[in-house]
Amino acid sequence: MEINNQQIMKKLIFIFVMLCMFSCGDYIDKPKNLIEPDKMAEILADLSITDQAVIVYPNKNLEAGTRFVLKAHNIKSQDFIESFKYYVIKDKMKDIAEDAQKIVVKKDPKADQYIQDKLKKNGSTPVFNR
């Protein structure tokens, strides 16, 4: 009887271990309208430029600028939000943000000087790259 119980326990432990191994899955499903990382970087670059315009013109509406950027890229806001969440959870947003920063520097060479000044002054990068 004791041998039978040991065999049962071994089988139960084996089943438990196998369940644990195969139950680990993704925290989030891939959105059906996932925005490609390159396009996401372009959108983030345009959004950051729009955000800077709001600082220059404080009485303007940031939401209108955001809608304009998404419309210019033919992206629905829900698709952007789902893609953003997906990339954050999948830990890919840092690379996308770095690509977006490169795009901003291409579009506005003064941004590169701003980044370099911040690095010299604070020893850290501006908020957009964190």
N, C-alpha and C. Protein backbone atom coordinates (compact mmCIF):
# COMPACT_ATOMS: atom_id res chain seq x y z
N MET A 1 0.82 -1.19 0.00
CA MET A 1 0.00 0.00 0.00
C MET A 1 0.86 1.25 0.00
N GLU A 2 1.97 1.17 0.73
CA GLU A 2 2.85 2.32 0.83
C GLU A 2 3.51 2.63 -0.52
N ILE A 3 3.84 1.61 -1.26
CA ILE A 3 4.45 1.79 -2.58
C ILE A 3 3.45 2.44 -3.52
N ASN A 4 2.23 2.03 -3.43
CA ASN A 4 1.18 2.59 -4.27
C ASN A 4 1.00 4.08 -3.98
N ASN A 5 1.02 4.47 -2.71
CA ASN A 5 0.89 5.89 -2.35
C ASN A 5 2.07 6.70 -2.87
N GLN A 6 3.27 6.14 -2.83
CA GLN A 6 4.45 6.85 -3.34
C GLN A 6 4.33 7.04 -4.85
N GLN A 7 3.85 6.04 -5.53
CA GLN A 7 3.68 6.16 -6.98
C GLN A 7 2.64 7.22 -7.32
N ILE A 8 1.57 7.24 -6.55
CA ILE A 8 0.52 8.24 -6.76
C ILE A 8 1.06 9.63 -6.50
N MET A 9 1.84 9.78 -5.42
CA MET A 9 2.42 11.09 -5.10
C MET A 9 3.38 11.54 -6.19
N LYS A 10 4.21 10.63 -6.70
CA LYS A 10 5.13 10.98 -7.78
C LYS A 10 4.38 11.44 -9.02
N LYS A 11 3.30 10.74 -9.33
CA LYS A 11 2.49 11.11 -10.50
C LYS A 11 1.83 12.47 -10.29
N LEU A 12 1.31 12.70 -9.08
CA LEU A 12 0.68 13.99 -8.79
C LEU A 12 1.69 15.13 -8.86
N ILE A 13 2.87 14.92 -8.33
CA ILE A 13 3.91 15.95 -8.40
C ILE A 13 4.30 16.21 -9.85
N PHE A 14 4.43 15.14 -10.63
CA PHE A 14 4.77 15.29 -12.04
C PHE A 14 3.69 16.09 -12.77
N ILE A 15 2.44 15.77 -12.53
CA ILE A 15 1.32 16.48 -13.17
C ILE A 15 1.33 17.95 -12.73
N PHE A 16 1.55 18.20 -11.45
CA PHE A 16 1.58 19.57 -10.94
C PHE A 16 2.70 20.38 -11.60
N VAL A 17 3.88 19.79 -11.70
CA VAL A 17 5.02 20.47 -12.33
C VAL A 17 4.72 20.75 -13.80
N MET A 18 4.15 19.80 -14.49
CA MET A 18 3.82 19.98 -15.91
C MET A 18 2.76 21.08 -16.08
N LEU A 19 1.77 21.11 -15.21
CA LEU A 19 0.76 22.16 -15.28
C LEU A 19 1.38 23.53 -15.07
N CYS A 20 2.29 23.62 -14.13
CA CYS A 20 2.96 24.90 -13.87
C CYS A 20 3.78 25.34 -15.07
N MET A 21 4.43 24.41 -15.71
CA MET A 21 5.28 24.76 -16.85
C MET A 21 4.44 25.23 -18.04
N PHE A 22 3.34 24.57 -18.31
CA PHE A 22 2.56 24.89 -19.49
C PHE A 22 1.49 25.94 -19.25
N SER A 23 1.24 26.29 -18.01
CA SER A 23 0.22 27.31 -17.74
C SER A 23 0.77 28.71 -17.90
N CYS A 24 2.09 28.85 -17.89
CA CYS A 24 2.70 30.17 -18.06
C CYS A 24 2.50 30.60 -19.50
N GLY A 25 1.80 31.69 -19.69
CA GLY A 25 1.56 32.20 -21.02
C GLY A 25 1.77 33.70 -21.04
N ASP A 26 1.33 34.32 -22.10
CA ASP A 26 1.46 35.77 -22.21
C ASP A 26 0.46 36.45 -21.29
N TYR A 27 0.88 37.60 -20.78
CA TYR A 27 -0.02 38.40 -19.95
C TYR A 27 -1.05 39.11 -20.79
N ILE A 28 -0.70 39.33 -22.05
CA ILE A 28 -1.59 40.08 -22.92
C ILE A 28 -1.58 39.43 -24.30
N ASP A 29 -2.73 39.40 -24.92
CA ASP A 29 -2.81 38.87 -26.28
C ASP A 29 -2.39 39.94 -27.27
N LYS A 30 -1.87 39.51 -28.38
CA LYS A 30 -1.46 40.44 -29.42
C LYS A 30 -2.72 41.08 -30.01
N PRO A 31 -2.77 42.43 -30.02
CA PRO A 31 -3.95 43.10 -30.58
C PRO A 31 -4.12 42.77 -32.06
N LYS A 32 -5.36 42.70 -32.52
CA LYS A 32 -5.57 42.33 -33.92
C LYS A 32 -5.11 43.45 -34.87
N ASN A 33 -5.11 44.68 -34.42
CA ASN A 33 -4.63 45.80 -35.24
C ASN A 33 -3.35 46.38 -34.65
N LEU A 34 -2.40 45.52 -34.36
CA LEU A 34 -1.14 45.94 -33.75
C LEU A 34 -0.38 46.85 -34.72
N ILE A 35 0.06 47.98 -34.21
CA ILE A 35 0.86 48.92 -34.99
C ILE A 35 2.30 48.42 -34.99
N GLU A 36 2.92 48.41 -36.15
CA GLU A 36 4.31 47.95 -36.27
C GLU A 36 5.23 48.87 -35.46
N PRO A 37 6.31 48.34 -34.92
CA PRO A 37 7.22 49.15 -34.09
C PRO A 37 7.76 50.40 -34.79
N ASP A 38 8.08 50.29 -36.09
CA ASP A 38 8.60 51.45 -36.81
C ASP A 38 7.56 52.56 -36.91
N LYS A 39 6.33 52.17 -37.21
CA LYS A 39 5.25 53.14 -37.31
C LYS A 39 4.94 53.73 -35.93
N MET A 40 5.01 52.89 -34.91
CA MET A 40 4.78 53.35 -33.54
C MET A 40 5.83 54.39 -33.16
N ALA A 41 7.08 54.19 -33.56
CA ALA A 41 8.14 55.15 -33.27
C ALA A 41 7.86 56.47 -33.99
N GLU A 42 7.39 56.41 -35.22
CA GLU A 42 7.05 57.63 -35.95
C GLU A 42 5.93 58.39 -35.25
N ILE A 43 4.92 57.66 -34.80
CA ILE A 43 3.79 58.30 -34.12
C ILE A 43 4.26 58.94 -32.81
N LEU A 44 5.08 58.23 -32.04
CA LEU A 44 5.59 58.79 -30.78
C LEU A 44 6.44 60.03 -31.03
N ALA A 45 7.23 60.01 -32.10
CA ALA A 45 8.04 61.19 -32.44
C ALA A 45 7.13 62.38 -32.75
N ASP A 46 6.11 62.16 -33.56
CA ASP A 46 5.19 63.25 -33.89
C ASP A 46 4.42 63.72 -32.66
N LEU A 47 4.05 62.79 -31.79
CA LEU A 47 3.35 63.19 -30.56
C LEU A 47 4.25 64.02 -29.65
N SER A 48 5.53 63.68 -29.60
CA SER A 48 6.44 64.46 -28.74
C SER A 48 6.65 65.86 -29.30
N ILE A 49 6.69 65.98 -30.62
CA ILE A 49 6.81 67.31 -31.23
C ILE A 49 5.54 68.12 -30.96
N THR A 50 4.40 67.47 -31.08
CA THR A 50 3.13 68.14 -30.79
C THR A 50 3.08 68.57 -29.33
N ASP A 51 3.58 67.73 -28.44
CA ASP A 51 3.62 68.05 -27.02
C ASP A 51 4.47 69.29 -26.76
N GLN A 52 5.57 69.42 -27.47
CA GLN A 52 6.42 70.61 -27.31
C GLN A 52 5.70 71.86 -27.80
N ALA A 53 4.88 71.72 -28.83
CA ALA A 53 4.11 72.86 -29.33
C ALA A 53 3.14 73.36 -28.26
N VAL A 54 2.61 72.46 -27.47
CA VAL A 54 1.69 72.86 -26.40
C VAL A 54 2.44 73.67 -25.33
N ILE A 55 3.70 73.34 -25.11
CA ILE A 55 4.49 74.11 -24.15
C ILE A 55 4.72 75.53 -24.67
N VAL A 56 4.96 75.64 -25.97
CA VAL A 56 5.17 76.96 -26.57
C VAL A 56 3.87 77.76 -26.59
N TYR A 57 2.77 77.10 -26.88
CA TYR A 57 1.45 77.73 -26.93
C TYR A 57 0.57 77.11 -25.85
N PRO A 58 0.69 77.58 -24.60
CA PRO A 58 0.02 76.92 -23.47
C PRO A 58 -1.50 76.91 -23.52
N ASN A 59 -2.12 77.80 -24.26
CA ASN A 59 -3.58 77.84 -24.28
C ASN A 59 -4.19 76.94 -25.35
N LYS A 60 -3.37 76.20 -26.04
CA LYS A 60 -3.87 75.31 -27.09
C LYS A 60 -4.21 73.94 -26.50
N ASN A 61 -4.97 73.19 -27.24
CA ASN A 61 -5.49 71.91 -26.78
C ASN A 61 -4.59 70.77 -27.25
N LEU A 62 -4.01 70.03 -26.32
CA LEU A 62 -3.15 68.89 -26.65
C LEU A 62 -3.94 67.76 -27.31
N GLU A 63 -5.17 67.60 -26.90
CA GLU A 63 -5.99 66.52 -27.45
C GLU A 63 -6.19 66.68 -28.95
N ALA A 64 -6.39 67.92 -29.40
CA ALA A 64 -6.56 68.16 -30.83
C ALA A 64 -5.29 67.79 -31.59
N GLY A 65 -4.13 68.09 -31.02
CA GLY A 65 -2.87 67.73 -31.64
C GLY A 65 -2.69 66.23 -31.71
N THR A 66 -3.08 65.54 -30.66
CA THR A 66 -2.98 64.08 -30.63
C THR A 66 -3.89 63.46 -31.69
N ARG A 67 -5.10 63.96 -31.79
CA ARG A 67 -6.02 63.46 -32.82
C ARG A 67 -5.48 63.70 -34.21
N PHE A 68 -4.86 64.89 -34.41
CA PHE A 68 -4.29 65.22 -35.71
C PHE A 68 -3.18 64.23 -36.08
N VAL A 69 -2.30 63.94 -35.13
CA VAL A 69 -1.18 63.01 -35.39
C VAL A 69 -1.71 61.63 -35.72
N LEU A 70 -2.66 61.14 -34.94
CA LEU A 70 -3.21 59.81 -35.21
C LEU A 70 -3.93 59.76 -36.55
N LYS A 71 -4.65 60.83 -36.88
CA LYS A 71 -5.35 60.88 -38.16
C LYS A 71 -4.35 60.94 -39.32
N ALA A 72 -3.25 61.68 -39.13
CA ALA A 72 -2.23 61.78 -40.17
C ALA A 72 -1.59 60.42 -40.47
N HIS A 73 -1.52 59.57 -39.47
CA HIS A 73 -0.95 58.23 -39.64
C HIS A 73 -2.01 57.16 -39.91
N ASN A 74 -3.27 57.58 -40.05
CA ASN A 74 -4.40 56.67 -40.29
C ASN A 74 -4.49 55.58 -39.21
N ILE A 75 -4.41 56.01 -37.96
CA ILE A 75 -4.46 55.10 -36.81
C ILE A 75 -5.65 55.49 -35.94
N LYS A 76 -6.41 54.50 -35.52
CA LYS A 76 -7.50 54.74 -34.58
C LYS A 76 -6.91 54.84 -33.18
N SER A 77 -7.52 55.67 -32.34
CA SER A 77 -6.98 55.86 -31.00
C SER A 77 -6.98 54.56 -30.20
N GLN A 78 -7.99 53.74 -30.37
CA GLN A 78 -8.06 52.47 -29.64
C GLN A 78 -6.92 51.53 -30.06
N ASP A 79 -6.61 51.53 -31.36
CA ASP A 79 -5.49 50.70 -31.84
C ASP A 79 -4.17 51.19 -31.26
N PHE A 80 -4.01 52.51 -31.17
CA PHE A 80 -2.79 53.06 -30.59
C PHE A 80 -2.66 52.66 -29.12
N ILE A 81 -3.75 52.78 -28.37
CA ILE A 81 -3.73 52.45 -26.95
C ILE A 81 -3.42 50.97 -26.74
N GLU A 82 -4.08 50.11 -27.50
CA GLU A 82 -3.83 48.67 -27.35
C GLU A 82 -2.40 48.30 -27.73
N SER A 83 -1.90 48.91 -28.80
CA SER A 83 -0.52 48.63 -29.22
C SER A 83 0.47 49.14 -28.19
N PHE A 84 0.19 50.33 -27.64
CA PHE A 84 1.07 50.91 -26.62
C PHE A 84 1.15 49.99 -25.40
N LYS A 85 -0.01 49.53 -24.93
CA LYS A 85 -0.05 48.61 -23.78
C LYS A 85 0.72 47.33 -24.09
N TYR A 86 0.51 46.80 -25.28
CA TYR A 86 1.16 45.55 -25.68
C TYR A 86 2.68 45.71 -25.64
N TYR A 87 3.19 46.79 -26.23
CA TYR A 87 4.64 46.99 -26.27
C TYR A 87 5.22 47.26 -24.88
N VAL A 88 4.47 47.93 -24.03
CA VAL A 88 4.95 48.17 -22.66
C VAL A 88 5.05 46.85 -21.91
N ILE A 89 4.01 46.04 -21.99
CA ILE A 89 4.02 44.76 -21.27
C ILE A 89 5.08 43.82 -21.84
N LYS A 90 5.27 43.85 -23.14
CA LYS A 90 6.27 42.99 -23.78
C LYS A 90 7.68 43.55 -23.64
N ASP A 91 7.82 44.69 -22.97
CA ASP A 91 9.12 45.32 -22.70
C ASP A 91 9.84 45.71 -23.99
N LYS A 92 9.09 46.19 -24.97
CA LYS A 92 9.66 46.64 -26.23
C LYS A 92 9.58 48.15 -26.40
N MET A 93 8.95 48.82 -25.43
CA MET A 93 8.72 50.26 -25.59
C MET A 93 10.02 51.06 -25.51
N LYS A 94 11.00 50.60 -24.77
CA LYS A 94 12.25 51.34 -24.66
C LYS A 94 12.92 51.46 -26.03
N ASP A 95 12.96 50.37 -26.78
CA ASP A 95 13.56 50.39 -28.11
C ASP A 95 12.75 51.29 -29.05
N ILE A 96 11.45 51.24 -28.94
CA ILE A 96 10.60 52.07 -29.79
C ILE A 96 10.81 53.54 -29.45
N ALA A 97 10.92 53.86 -28.16
CA ALA A 97 11.16 55.25 -27.73
C ALA A 97 12.52 55.75 -28.22
N GLU A 98 13.53 54.88 -28.20
CA GLU A 98 14.84 55.27 -28.71
C GLU A 98 14.77 55.55 -30.21
N ASP A 99 14.02 54.73 -30.94
CA ASP A 99 13.84 54.98 -32.37
C ASP A 99 13.09 56.30 -32.60
N ALA A 100 12.10 56.56 -31.76
CA ALA A 100 11.35 57.81 -31.87
C ALA A 100 12.26 59.01 -31.61
N GLN A 101 13.16 58.87 -30.65
CA GLN A 101 14.08 59.96 -30.36
C GLN A 101 14.99 60.23 -31.56
N LYS A 102 15.43 59.18 -32.24
CA LYS A 102 16.26 59.35 -33.44
C LYS A 102 15.48 60.07 -34.54
N ILE A 103 14.20 59.75 -34.65
CA ILE A 103 13.35 60.41 -35.65
C ILE A 103 13.20 61.88 -35.31
N VAL A 104 13.01 62.20 -34.04
CA VAL A 104 12.88 63.60 -33.62
C VAL A 104 14.16 64.36 -33.93
N VAL A 105 15.30 63.74 -33.69
CA VAL A 105 16.59 64.39 -33.97
C VAL A 105 16.74 64.63 -35.46
N LYS A 106 16.28 63.69 -36.29
CA LYS A 106 16.34 63.88 -37.75
C LYS A 106 15.46 65.05 -38.18
N LYS A 107 14.26 65.12 -37.59
CA LYS A 107 13.32 66.17 -37.96
C LYS A 107 13.75 67.53 -37.43
N ASP A 108 14.38 67.55 -36.27
CA ASP A 108 14.80 68.80 -35.64
C ASP A 108 16.20 68.64 -35.06
N PRO A 109 17.23 69.05 -35.81
CA PRO A 109 18.60 68.89 -35.33
C PRO A 109 18.88 69.61 -34.01
N LYS A 110 18.11 70.63 -33.69
CA LYS A 110 18.28 71.33 -32.42
C LYS A 110 17.96 70.42 -31.23
N ALA A 111 17.13 69.43 -31.46
CA ALA A 111 16.78 68.50 -30.40
C ALA A 111 18.00 67.72 -29.93
N ASP A 112 18.90 67.41 -30.85
CA ASP A 112 20.13 66.70 -30.47
C ASP A 112 20.96 67.55 -29.53
N GLN A 113 21.07 68.83 -29.81
CA GLN A 113 21.82 69.72 -28.93
C GLN A 113 21.15 69.82 -27.56
N TYR A 114 19.83 69.85 -27.53
CA TYR A 114 19.08 69.88 -26.28
C TYR A 114 19.39 68.63 -25.44
N ILE A 115 19.39 67.48 -26.10
CA ILE A 115 19.68 66.22 -25.40
C ILE A 115 21.09 66.23 -24.84
N GLN A 116 22.04 66.69 -25.64
CA GLN A 116 23.44 66.74 -25.19
C GLN A 116 23.61 67.70 -24.01
N ASP A 117 22.93 68.84 -24.07
CA ASP A 117 23.00 69.80 -22.95
C ASP A 117 22.42 69.19 -21.68
N LYS A 118 21.30 68.48 -21.80
CA LYS A 118 20.70 67.84 -20.63
C LYS A 118 21.62 66.77 -20.05
N LEU A 119 22.28 66.03 -20.93
CA LEU A 119 23.21 65.00 -20.45
C LEU A 119 24.38 65.62 -19.68
N LYS A 120 24.89 66.74 -20.18
CA LYS A 120 26.01 67.42 -19.50
C LYS A 120 25.56 68.02 -18.17
N LYS A 121 24.37 68.60 -18.17
CA LYS A 121 23.88 69.30 -16.99
C LYS A 121 23.44 68.33 -15.89
N ASN A 122 22.61 67.35 -16.24
CA ASN A 122 22.01 66.46 -15.24
C ASN A 122 22.69 65.09 -15.17
N GLY A 123 23.40 64.73 -16.20
CA GLY A 123 23.97 63.40 -16.24
C GLY A 123 22.95 62.33 -16.60
N SER A 124 21.74 62.76 -16.96
CA SER A 124 20.71 61.82 -17.38
C SER A 124 20.03 62.37 -18.63
N THR A 125 19.31 61.50 -19.29
CA THR A 125 18.63 61.89 -20.51
C THR A 125 17.33 62.61 -20.19
N PRO A 126 16.81 63.35 -21.16
CA PRO A 126 15.50 64.00 -20.96
C PRO A 126 14.41 62.97 -20.70
N VAL A 127 13.30 63.43 -20.20
CA VAL A 127 12.22 62.57 -19.75
C VAL A 127 11.73 61.63 -20.84
N PHE A 128 11.70 62.07 -22.11
CA PHE A 128 11.14 61.26 -23.19
C PHE A 128 11.87 59.93 -23.34
N ASN A 129 13.15 59.90 -23.03
CA ASN A 129 13.94 58.68 -23.26
C ASN A 129 13.99 57.77 -22.04
N ARG A 130 13.45 58.15 -20.93
CA ARG A 130 13.50 57.32 -19.73
C ARG A 130 12.54 56.19 -19.78
